[in-house]
Amino acid sequence: MFRFKVIGSLVLPGLMLLSCGIPITTSTKYPIDILYENEPIERPYSEIGWVEITSEDTLSADQTTNKRMMQRGNDAKTKELLTARLVIKAQKIGANAIIKVQYQYYTTVKSEGYLLKGLAVRYRGE
């Protein structure tokens, strides 16, 4: 059985359109505080330095059909794993929090990539 979605005068069999991105914030608990770029920090801190992870990969065959991108980006689970890697990197340099965390995803004709970065800090008095 086929379901049809009507978009204007165009009928597309079995198509579900999702135009929402997966948020970077999750309920996952990490061993240090994670504050995204829009979240205020309410404790005094000293900056240690920026930490980041980045990668660029060739698009896989299942991401494209007839030279058109069919899916892109990282799902929530992948973003959680990337954040965990960022946490480990920050802990190695003595941070007990990462603030101003940003996630960027980009694509080109043949590749996709991401950048996850944040400012590693140490709370004062700890």
Protein backbone atom coordinates (compact mmCIF):
# COMPACT_ATOMS: atom_id res chain seq x y z
CA MET A 1 0.00 0.00 0.00
CA PHE A 2 1.34 3.42 -0.98
CA ARG A 3 0.61 6.62 0.84
CA PHE A 4 0.70 9.85 -1.09
CA LYS A 5 1.56 13.30 0.13
CA VAL A 6 0.31 16.19 -1.95
CA ILE A 7 2.60 19.19 -2.16
CA GLY A 8 1.02 21.88 -4.31
CA SER A 9 0.17 20.01 -7.47
CA LEU A 10 3.00 17.49 -7.01
CA VAL A 11 2.17 14.00 -5.67
CA LEU A 12 5.06 12.07 -4.11
CA PRO A 13 4.53 8.42 -3.10
CA GLY A 14 5.68 7.48 0.39
CA LEU A 15 7.42 10.77 1.11
CA MET A 16 7.63 12.16 4.59
CA LEU A 17 9.28 15.54 4.86
CA LEU A 18 11.00 16.50 8.08
CA SER A 19 12.41 19.98 8.16
CA CYS A 20 13.58 20.02 11.74
CA GLY A 21 17.18 19.69 12.82
CA ILE A 22 18.23 17.50 15.69
CA PRO A 23 19.10 19.75 18.62
CA ILE A 24 22.55 19.56 20.07
CA THR A 25 21.27 19.71 23.64
CA THR A 26 20.36 16.37 25.18
CA SER A 27 19.58 14.99 28.59
CA THR A 28 22.87 13.05 28.58
CA LYS A 29 24.95 13.66 31.71
CA TYR A 30 28.66 14.24 31.24
CA PRO A 31 31.35 14.29 33.97
CA ILE A 32 31.87 18.03 33.42
CA ASP A 33 29.41 20.85 32.74
CA ILE A 34 28.46 21.51 29.12
CA LEU A 35 26.98 24.94 28.34
CA TYR A 36 25.97 25.68 24.77
CA GLU A 37 26.56 29.06 23.16
CA ASN A 38 23.16 30.43 24.21
CA GLU A 39 23.40 29.33 27.87
CA PRO A 40 24.74 31.74 30.49
CA ILE A 41 27.43 30.67 32.94
CA GLU A 42 26.73 31.75 36.48
CA ARG A 43 29.97 30.77 38.20
CA PRO A 44 33.34 32.51 38.07
CA TYR A 45 35.84 30.70 35.86
CA SER A 46 39.23 30.91 34.22
CA GLU A 47 39.64 30.16 30.54
CA ILE A 48 41.96 27.31 29.60
CA GLY A 49 41.49 27.34 25.83
CA TRP A 50 39.33 26.22 22.92
CA VAL A 51 38.89 22.50 22.29
CA GLU A 52 37.45 21.13 19.09
CA ILE A 53 36.90 18.01 17.08
CA THR A 54 36.38 18.03 13.37
CA SER A 55 36.03 15.58 10.53
CA GLU A 56 35.27 15.53 6.84
CA ASP A 57 34.07 12.42 5.01
CA THR A 58 33.07 11.51 1.49
CA LEU A 59 29.30 11.23 1.03
CA SER A 60 28.12 7.62 1.15
CA ALA A 61 26.05 6.02 -1.60
CA ASP A 62 22.91 5.95 0.58
CA GLN A 63 23.12 9.71 1.11
CA THR A 64 22.72 10.50 -2.58
CA THR A 65 20.39 9.44 -5.36
CA ASN A 66 20.77 10.69 -8.93
CA LYS A 67 23.39 13.21 -7.74
CA ARG A 68 20.94 14.68 -5.19
CA MET A 69 21.53 14.62 -1.46
CA MET A 70 18.85 12.56 0.25
CA GLN A 71 20.06 12.73 3.86
CA ARG A 72 22.62 14.74 5.74
CA GLY A 73 23.89 15.51 9.19
CA ASN A 74 24.50 13.58 12.35
CA ASP A 75 21.73 12.09 14.43
CA ALA A 76 21.31 12.79 18.17
CA LYS A 77 23.27 9.68 19.21
CA THR A 78 26.23 10.67 17.04
CA LYS A 79 26.16 14.20 18.46
CA GLU A 80 26.24 12.75 21.97
CA LEU A 81 29.31 10.67 21.06
CA LEU A 82 31.01 13.71 19.55
CA THR A 83 30.27 15.70 22.71
CA ALA A 84 31.74 12.89 24.82
CA ARG A 85 34.93 13.08 22.75
CA LEU A 86 35.03 16.85 23.30
CA VAL A 87 34.60 16.31 27.06
CA ILE A 88 37.55 13.89 27.15
CA LYS A 89 39.69 16.41 25.31
CA ALA A 90 38.74 19.17 27.77
CA GLN A 91 39.35 16.97 30.81
CA LYS A 92 42.86 16.16 29.59
CA ILE A 93 43.76 19.86 29.86
CA GLY A 94 42.22 20.26 33.31
CA ALA A 95 38.77 21.66 32.49
CA ASN A 96 35.74 21.08 34.68
CA ALA A 97 33.37 22.73 32.18
CA ILE A 98 33.04 23.55 28.50
CA ILE A 99 31.18 26.74 27.64
CA LYS A 100 30.09 28.40 24.39
CA VAL A 101 29.76 24.97 22.76
CA GLN A 102 28.96 25.20 19.04
CA TYR A 103 28.14 22.54 16.47
CA GLN A 104 28.53 23.23 12.76
CA TYR A 105 27.72 20.85 9.95
CA TYR A 106 28.51 21.45 6.29
CA THR A 107 28.26 19.68 2.97
CA THR A 108 29.83 20.01 -0.43
CA VAL A 109 29.01 18.19 -3.64
CA LYS A 110 31.11 15.18 -2.63
CA SER A 111 31.69 15.45 1.10
CA GLU A 112 30.25 16.35 4.48
CA GLY A 113 31.89 17.47 7.66
CA TYR A 114 31.37 18.83 11.12
CA LEU A 115 33.05 20.99 13.71
CA LEU A 116 32.21 20.77 17.41
CA LYS A 117 34.02 23.25 19.61
CA GLY A 118 33.82 24.90 22.98
CA LEU A 119 35.83 26.92 25.46
CA ALA A 120 37.38 24.73 28.15
CA VAL A 121 37.27 26.45 31.55
CA ARG A 122 38.10 25.77 35.16
CA TYR A 123 35.73 27.04 37.82
CA ARG A 124 37.50 29.32 40.29
CA GLY A 125 37.85 27.94 43.80
CA GLU A 126 37.87 24.29 42.75
